[in-house]
Amino acid sequence: MVLTELDDLKEAFQRERSSVRENISSGICETLEEYKLLVGISEGLTKAINMVEDYQNMLVSGQSKED
């Protein structure tokens, strides 16, 4: 159950990251500061996705060791 919820969280982060990247590539940013902000958000979401994946792997590894 926890793994399913983590998958949902990861997918939400991925959707948001895709949306941010689409905004960047569409040229929506009018200033360098706006561009930097969106790039930072994208990088933060990427880090969050990686952290969720690492946590999932840790849970799976821990579960397999107990089996």
PDB file of N, CA and C in Angstrom:
ATOM      1  N   MET A   1       0.830  -1.188   0.000  1.00  0.00           N
ATOM      2  CA  MET A   1       0.000   0.000   0.000  1.00  0.00           C
ATOM      3  C   MET A   1       0.878   1.256   0.000  1.00  0.00           C
ATOM      4  N   VAL A   2       1.900   1.265   0.808  1.00  0.00           N
ATOM      5  CA  VAL A   2       2.790   2.423   0.870  1.00  0.00           C
ATOM      6  C   VAL A   2       3.465   2.635  -0.478  1.00  0.00           C
ATOM      7  N   LEU A   3       3.862   1.555  -1.124  1.00  0.00           N
ATOM      8  CA  LEU A   3       4.532   1.681  -2.416  1.00  0.00           C
ATOM      9  C   LEU A   3       3.606   2.292  -3.464  1.00  0.00           C
ATOM     10  N   THR A   4       2.320   1.950  -3.422  1.00  0.00           N
ATOM     11  CA  THR A   4       1.348   2.526  -4.348  1.00  0.00           C
ATOM     12  C   THR A   4       1.209   4.018  -4.112  1.00  0.00           C
ATOM     13  N   GLU A   5       1.151   4.416  -2.852  1.00  0.00           N
ATOM     14  CA  GLU A   5       1.047   5.835  -2.530  1.00  0.00           C
ATOM     15  C   GLU A   5       2.303   6.588  -2.961  1.00  0.00           C
ATOM     16  N   LEU A   6       3.457   5.955  -2.817  1.00  0.00           N
ATOM     17  CA  LEU A   6       4.702   6.577  -3.256  1.00  0.00           C
ATOM     18  C   LEU A   6       4.739   6.703  -4.773  1.00  0.00           C
ATOM     19  N   ASP A   7       4.200   5.701  -5.471  1.00  0.00           N
ATOM     20  CA  ASP A   7       4.108   5.793  -6.929  1.00  0.00           C
ATOM     21  C   ASP A   7       3.217   6.959  -7.333  1.00  0.00           C
ATOM     22  N   ASP A   8       2.102   7.135  -6.623  1.00  0.00           N
ATOM     23  CA  ASP A   8       1.202   8.251  -6.911  1.00  0.00           C
ATOM     24  C   ASP A   8       1.902   9.588  -6.686  1.00  0.00           C
ATOM     25  N   LEU A   9       2.658   9.684  -5.619  1.00  0.00           N
ATOM     26  CA  LEU A   9       3.393  10.905  -5.312  1.00  0.00           C
ATOM     27  C   LEU A   9       4.433  11.185  -6.394  1.00  0.00           C
ATOM     28  N   LYS A  10       5.152  10.139  -6.773  1.00  0.00           N
ATOM     29  CA  LYS A  10       6.180  10.288  -7.805  1.00  0.00           C
ATOM     30  C   LYS A  10       5.558  10.726  -9.133  1.00  0.00           C
ATOM     31  N   GLU A  11       4.430  10.151  -9.482  1.00  0.00           N
ATOM     32  CA  GLU A  11       3.749  10.527 -10.721  1.00  0.00           C
ATOM     33  C   GLU A  11       3.271  11.979 -10.674  1.00  0.00           C
ATOM     34  N   ALA A  12       2.800  12.428  -9.517  1.00  0.00           N
ATOM     35  CA  ALA A  12       2.372  13.822  -9.377  1.00  0.00           C
ATOM     36  C   ALA A  12       3.563  14.759  -9.575  1.00  0.00           C
ATOM     37  N   PHE A  13       4.696  14.415  -8.980  1.00  0.00           N
ATOM     38  CA  PHE A  13       5.909  15.210  -9.164  1.00  0.00           C
ATOM     39  C   PHE A  13       6.317  15.233 -10.644  1.00  0.00           C
ATOM     40  N   GLN A  14       6.227  14.085 -11.307  1.00  0.00           N
ATOM     41  CA  GLN A  14       6.617  13.992 -12.709  1.00  0.00           C
ATOM     42  C   GLN A  14       5.702  14.826 -13.598  1.00  0.00           C
ATOM     43  N   ARG A  15       4.399  14.800 -13.304  1.00  0.00           N
ATOM     44  CA  ARG A  15       3.464  15.619 -14.083  1.00  0.00           C
ATOM     45  C   ARG A  15       3.772  17.105 -13.903  1.00  0.00           C
ATOM     46  N   GLU A  16       4.022  17.507 -12.670  1.00  0.00           N
ATOM     47  CA  GLU A  16       4.331  18.910 -12.411  1.00  0.00           C
ATOM     48  C   GLU A  16       5.635  19.315 -13.090  1.00  0.00           C
ATOM     49  N   ARG A  17       6.631  18.435 -13.034  1.00  0.00           N
ATOM     50  CA  ARG A  17       7.907  18.722 -13.692  1.00  0.00           C
ATOM     51  C   ARG A  17       7.723  18.856 -15.201  1.00  0.00           C
ATOM     52  N   SER A  18       6.915  18.001 -15.787  1.00  0.00           N
ATOM     53  CA  SER A  18       6.638  18.089 -17.225  1.00  0.00           C
ATOM     54  C   SER A  18       5.959  19.407 -17.567  1.00  0.00           C
ATOM     55  N   SER A  19       5.033  19.827 -16.728  1.00  0.00           N
ATOM     56  CA  SER A  19       4.346  21.094 -16.944  1.00  0.00           C
ATOM     57  C   SER A  19       5.321  22.270 -16.879  1.00  0.00           C
ATOM     58  N   VAL A  20       6.200  22.247 -15.898  1.00  0.00           N
ATOM     59  CA  VAL A  20       7.191  23.310 -15.752  1.00  0.00           C
ATOM     60  C   VAL A  20       8.123  23.323 -16.961  1.00  0.00           C
ATOM     61  N   ARG A  21       8.562  22.153 -17.386  1.00  0.00           N
ATOM     62  CA  ARG A  21       9.462  22.078 -18.539  1.00  0.00           C
ATOM     63  C   ARG A  21       8.786  22.562 -19.816  1.00  0.00           C
ATOM     64  N   GLU A  22       7.498  22.255 -19.960  1.00  0.00           N
ATOM     65  CA  GLU A  22       6.757  22.743 -21.118  1.00  0.00           C
ATOM     66  C   GLU A  22       6.698  24.271 -21.096  1.00  0.00           C
ATOM     67  N   ASN A  23       6.485  24.831 -19.918  1.00  0.00           N
ATOM     68  CA  ASN A  23       6.455  26.289 -19.795  1.00  0.00           C
ATOM     69  C   ASN A  23       7.799  26.903 -20.177  1.00  0.00           C
ATOM     70  N   ILE A  24       8.876  26.271 -19.732  1.00  0.00           N
ATOM     71  CA  ILE A  24      10.211  26.769 -20.071  1.00  0.00           C
ATOM     72  C   ILE A  24      10.421  26.721 -21.579  1.00  0.00           C
ATOM     73  N   SER A  25      10.100  25.584 -22.180  1.00  0.00           N
ATOM     74  CA  SER A  25      10.366  25.417 -23.614  1.00  0.00           C
ATOM     75  C   SER A  25       9.440  26.261 -24.479  1.00  0.00           C
ATOM     76  N   SER A  26       8.297  26.671 -23.944  1.00  0.00           N
ATOM     77  CA  SER A  26       7.371  27.498 -24.728  1.00  0.00           C
ATOM     78  C   SER A  26       7.803  28.957 -24.776  1.00  0.00           C
ATOM     79  N   GLY A  27       8.788  29.299 -23.961  1.00  0.00           N
ATOM     80  CA  GLY A  27       9.265  30.675 -23.949  1.00  0.00           C
ATOM     81  C   GLY A  27       8.414  31.599 -23.102  1.00  0.00           C
ATOM     82  N   ILE A  28       7.727  31.036 -22.124  1.00  0.00           N
ATOM     83  CA  ILE A  28       6.825  31.817 -21.280  1.00  0.00           C
ATOM     84  C   ILE A  28       7.577  32.825 -20.399  1.00  0.00           C
ATOM     85  N   CYS A  29       8.817  32.549 -20.120  1.00  0.00           N
ATOM     86  CA  CYS A  29       9.605  33.409 -19.224  1.00  0.00           C
ATOM     87  C   CYS A  29       9.953  34.723 -19.917  1.00  0.00           C
ATOM     88  N   GLU A  30       9.639  35.798 -19.239  1.00  0.00           N
ATOM     89  CA  GLU A  30       9.931  37.119 -19.801  1.00  0.00           C
ATOM     90  C   GLU A  30      11.265  37.668 -19.307  1.00  0.00           C
ATOM     91  N   THR A  31      11.740  37.127 -18.183  1.00  0.00           N
ATOM     92  CA  THR A  31      13.014  37.604 -17.643  1.00  0.00           C
ATOM     93  C   THR A  31      13.886  36.412 -17.287  1.00  0.00           C
ATOM     94  N   LEU A  32      15.146  36.706 -17.108  1.00  0.00           N
ATOM     95  CA  LEU A  32      16.090  35.671 -16.697  1.00  0.00           C
ATOM     96  C   LEU A  32      15.717  35.134 -15.319  1.00  0.00           C
ATOM     97  N   GLU A  33      15.213  35.996 -14.448  1.00  0.00           N
ATOM     98  CA  GLU A  33      14.826  35.576 -13.104  1.00  0.00           C
ATOM     99  C   GLU A  33      13.689  34.554 -13.151  1.00  0.00           C
ATOM    100  N   GLU A  34      12.701  34.793 -14.026  1.00  0.00           N
ATOM    101  CA  GLU A  34      11.592  33.835 -14.174  1.00  0.00           C
ATOM    102  C   GLU A  34      12.120  32.497 -14.693  1.00  0.00           C
ATOM    103  N   TYR A  35      13.030  32.558 -15.656  1.00  0.00           N
ATOM    104  CA  TYR A  35      13.630  31.341 -16.207  1.00  0.00           C
ATOM    105  C   TYR A  35      14.369  30.574 -15.119  1.00  0.00           C
ATOM    106  N   LYS A  36      15.171  31.294 -14.341  1.00  0.00           N
ATOM    107  CA  LYS A  36      15.924  30.649 -13.268  1.00  0.00           C
ATOM    108  C   LYS A  36      14.990  30.012 -12.243  1.00  0.00           C
ATOM    109  N   LEU A  37      13.897  30.689 -11.936  1.00  0.00           N
ATOM    110  CA  LEU A  37      12.930  30.145 -10.977  1.00  0.00           C
ATOM    111  C   LEU A  37      12.343  28.833 -11.479  1.00  0.00           C
ATOM    112  N   LEU A  38      11.912  28.818 -12.739  1.00  0.00           N
ATOM    113  CA  LEU A  38      11.321  27.595 -13.283  1.00  0.00           C
ATOM    114  C   LEU A  38      12.339  26.468 -13.383  1.00  0.00           C
ATOM    115  N   VAL A  39      13.566  26.797 -13.758  1.00  0.00           N
ATOM    116  CA  VAL A  39      14.608  25.770 -13.805  1.00  0.00           C
ATOM    117  C   VAL A  39      14.857  25.214 -12.404  1.00  0.00           C
ATOM    118  N   GLY A  40      14.877  26.082 -11.416  1.00  0.00           N
ATOM    119  CA  GLY A  40      15.061  25.636 -10.032  1.00  0.00           C
ATOM    120  C   GLY A  40      13.928  24.736  -9.568  1.00  0.00           C
ATOM    121  N   ILE A  41      12.708  25.087  -9.951  1.00  0.00           N
ATOM    122  CA  ILE A  41      11.558  24.241  -9.591  1.00  0.00           C
ATOM    123  C   ILE A  41      11.694  22.881 -10.248  1.00  0.00           C
ATOM    124  N   SER A  42      12.074  22.867 -11.524  1.00  0.00           N
ATOM    125  CA  SER A  42      12.263  21.604 -12.240  1.00  0.00           C
ATOM    126  C   SER A  42      13.337  20.750 -11.579  1.00  0.00           C
ATOM    127  N   GLU A  43      14.436  21.383 -11.209  1.00  0.00           N
ATOM    128  CA  GLU A  43      15.519  20.640 -10.554  1.00  0.00           C
ATOM    129  C   GLU A  43      15.067  20.111  -9.188  1.00  0.00           C
ATOM    130  N   GLY A  44      14.305  20.909  -8.469  1.00  0.00           N
ATOM    131  CA  GLY A  44      13.796  20.463  -7.170  1.00  0.00           C
ATOM    132  C   GLY A  44      12.855  19.282  -7.310  1.00  0.00           C
ATOM    133  N   LEU A  45      11.998  19.325  -8.313  1.00  0.00           N
ATOM    134  CA  LEU A  45      11.081  18.210  -8.543  1.00  0.00           C
ATOM    135  C   LEU A  45      11.853  16.952  -8.951  1.00  0.00           C
ATOM    136  N   THR A  46      12.894  17.122  -9.755  1.00  0.00           N
ATOM    137  CA  THR A  46      13.729  15.976 -10.135  1.00  0.00           C
ATOM    138  C   THR A  46      14.367  15.358  -8.895  1.00  0.00           C
ATOM    139  N   LYS A  47      14.859  16.201  -7.999  1.00  0.00           N
ATOM    140  CA  LYS A  47      15.454  15.696  -6.764  1.00  0.00           C
ATOM    141  C   LYS A  47      14.405  14.978  -5.921  1.00  0.00           C
ATOM    142  N   ALA A  48      13.209  15.533  -5.842  1.00  0.00           N
ATOM    143  CA  ALA A  48      12.136  14.903  -5.076  1.00  0.00           C
ATOM    144  C   ALA A  48      11.775  13.534  -5.658  1.00  0.00           C
ATOM    145  N   ILE A  49      11.711  13.448  -6.977  1.00  0.00           N
ATOM    146  CA  ILE A  49      11.417  12.167  -7.636  1.00  0.00           C
ATOM    147  C   ILE A  49      12.498  11.149  -7.297  1.00  0.00           C
ATOM    148  N   ASN A  50      13.753  11.564  -7.369  1.00  0.00           N
ATOM    149  CA  ASN A  50      14.858  10.659  -7.046  1.00  0.00           C
ATOM    150  C   ASN A  50      14.809  10.205  -5.593  1.00  0.00           C
ATOM    151  N   MET A  51      14.442  11.104  -4.697  1.00  0.00           N
ATOM    152  CA  MET A  51      14.355  10.746  -3.285  1.00  0.00           C
ATOM    153  C   MET A  51      13.242   9.731  -3.043  1.00  0.00           C
ATOM    154  N   VAL A  52      12.108   9.912  -3.715  1.00  0.00           N
ATOM    155  CA  VAL A  52      11.008   8.957  -3.583  1.00  0.00           C
ATOM    156  C   VAL A  52      11.434   7.598  -4.124  1.00  0.00           C
ATOM    157  N   GLU A  53      12.104   7.594  -5.268  1.00  0.00           N
ATOM    158  CA  GLU A  53      12.584   6.335  -5.847  1.00  0.00           C
ATOM    159  C   GLU A  53      13.580   5.646  -4.910  1.00  0.00           C
ATOM    160  N   ASP A  54      14.488   6.411  -4.335  1.00  0.00           N
ATOM    161  CA  ASP A  54      15.452   5.837  -3.393  1.00  0.00           C
ATOM    162  C   ASP A  54      14.742   5.235  -2.185  1.00  0.00           C
ATOM    163  N   TYR A  55      13.737   5.939  -1.670  1.00  0.00           N
ATOM    164  CA  TYR A  55      12.983   5.448  -0.519  1.00  0.00           C
ATOM    165  C   TYR A  55      12.225   4.171  -0.879  1.00  0.00           C
ATOM    166  N   GLN A  56      11.632   4.153  -2.081  1.00  0.00           N
ATOM    167  CA  GLN A  56      10.943   2.947  -2.530  1.00  0.00           C
ATOM    168  C   GLN A  56      11.913   1.768  -2.604  1.00  0.00           C
ATOM    169  N   ASN A  57      13.080   2.006  -3.165  1.00  0.00           N
ATOM    170  CA  ASN A  57      14.082   0.940  -3.278  1.00  0.00           C
ATOM    171  C   ASN A  57      14.516   0.450  -1.908  1.00  0.00           C
ATOM    172  N   MET A  58      14.649   1.389  -0.961  1.00  0.00           N
ATOM    173  CA  MET A  58      15.012   1.001   0.387  1.00  0.00           C
ATOM    174  C   MET A  58      13.930   0.130   1.015  1.00  0.00           C
ATOM    175  N   LEU A  59      12.672   0.501   0.796  1.00  0.00           N
ATOM    176  CA  LEU A  59      11.571  -0.302   1.349  1.00  0.00           C
ATOM    177  C   LEU A  59      11.536  -1.688   0.734  1.00  0.00           C
ATOM    178  N   VAL A  60      11.728  -1.758  -0.574  1.00  0.00           N
ATOM    179  CA  VAL A  60      11.706  -3.051  -1.261  1.00  0.00           C
ATOM    180  C   VAL A  60      12.878  -3.911  -0.789  1.00  0.00           C
ATOM    181  N   SER A  61      14.049  -3.307  -0.668  1.00  0.00           N
ATOM    182  CA  SER A  61      15.220  -4.056  -0.208  1.00  0.00           C
ATOM    183  C   SER A  61      15.029  -4.543   1.210  1.00  0.00           C
ATOM    184  N   GLY A  62      14.477  -3.704   2.053  1.00  0.00           N
ATOM    185  CA  GLY A  62      14.215  -4.089   3.436  1.00  0.00           C
ATOM    186  C   GLY A  62      13.201  -5.198   3.528  1.00  0.00           C
ATOM    187  N   GLN A  63      12.194  -5.155   2.682  1.00  0.00           N
ATOM    188  CA  GLN A  63      11.170  -6.191   2.687  1.00  0.00           C
ATOM    189  C   GLN A  63      11.716  -7.510   2.184  1.00  0.00           C
ATOM    190  N   SER A  64      12.591  -7.451   1.172  1.00  0.00           N
ATOM    191  CA  SER A  64      13.125  -8.689   0.629  1.00  0.00           C
ATOM    192  C   SER A  64      14.115  -9.336   1.606  1.00  0.00           C
ATOM    193  N   LYS A  65      14.799  -8.515   2.419  1.00  0.00           N
ATOM    194  CA  LYS A  65      15.718  -9.069   3.406  1.00  0.00           C
ATOM    195  C   LYS A  65      14.970  -9.780   4.522  1.00  0.00           C
ATOM    196  N   GLU A  66      13.750  -9.284   4.833  1.00  0.00           N
ATOM    197  CA  GLU A  66      12.970  -9.901   5.895  1.00  0.00           C
ATOM    198  C   GLU A  66      12.327 -11.204   5.442  1.00  0.00           C
ATOM    199  N   ASP A  67      12.123 -11.357   4.119  1.00  0.00           N
ATOM    200  CA  ASP A  67      11.471 -12.564   3.585  1.00  0.00           C
ATOM    201  C   ASP A  67      12.364 -13.758   3.603  1.00  0.00           C
TER     202      ASP A  67
END
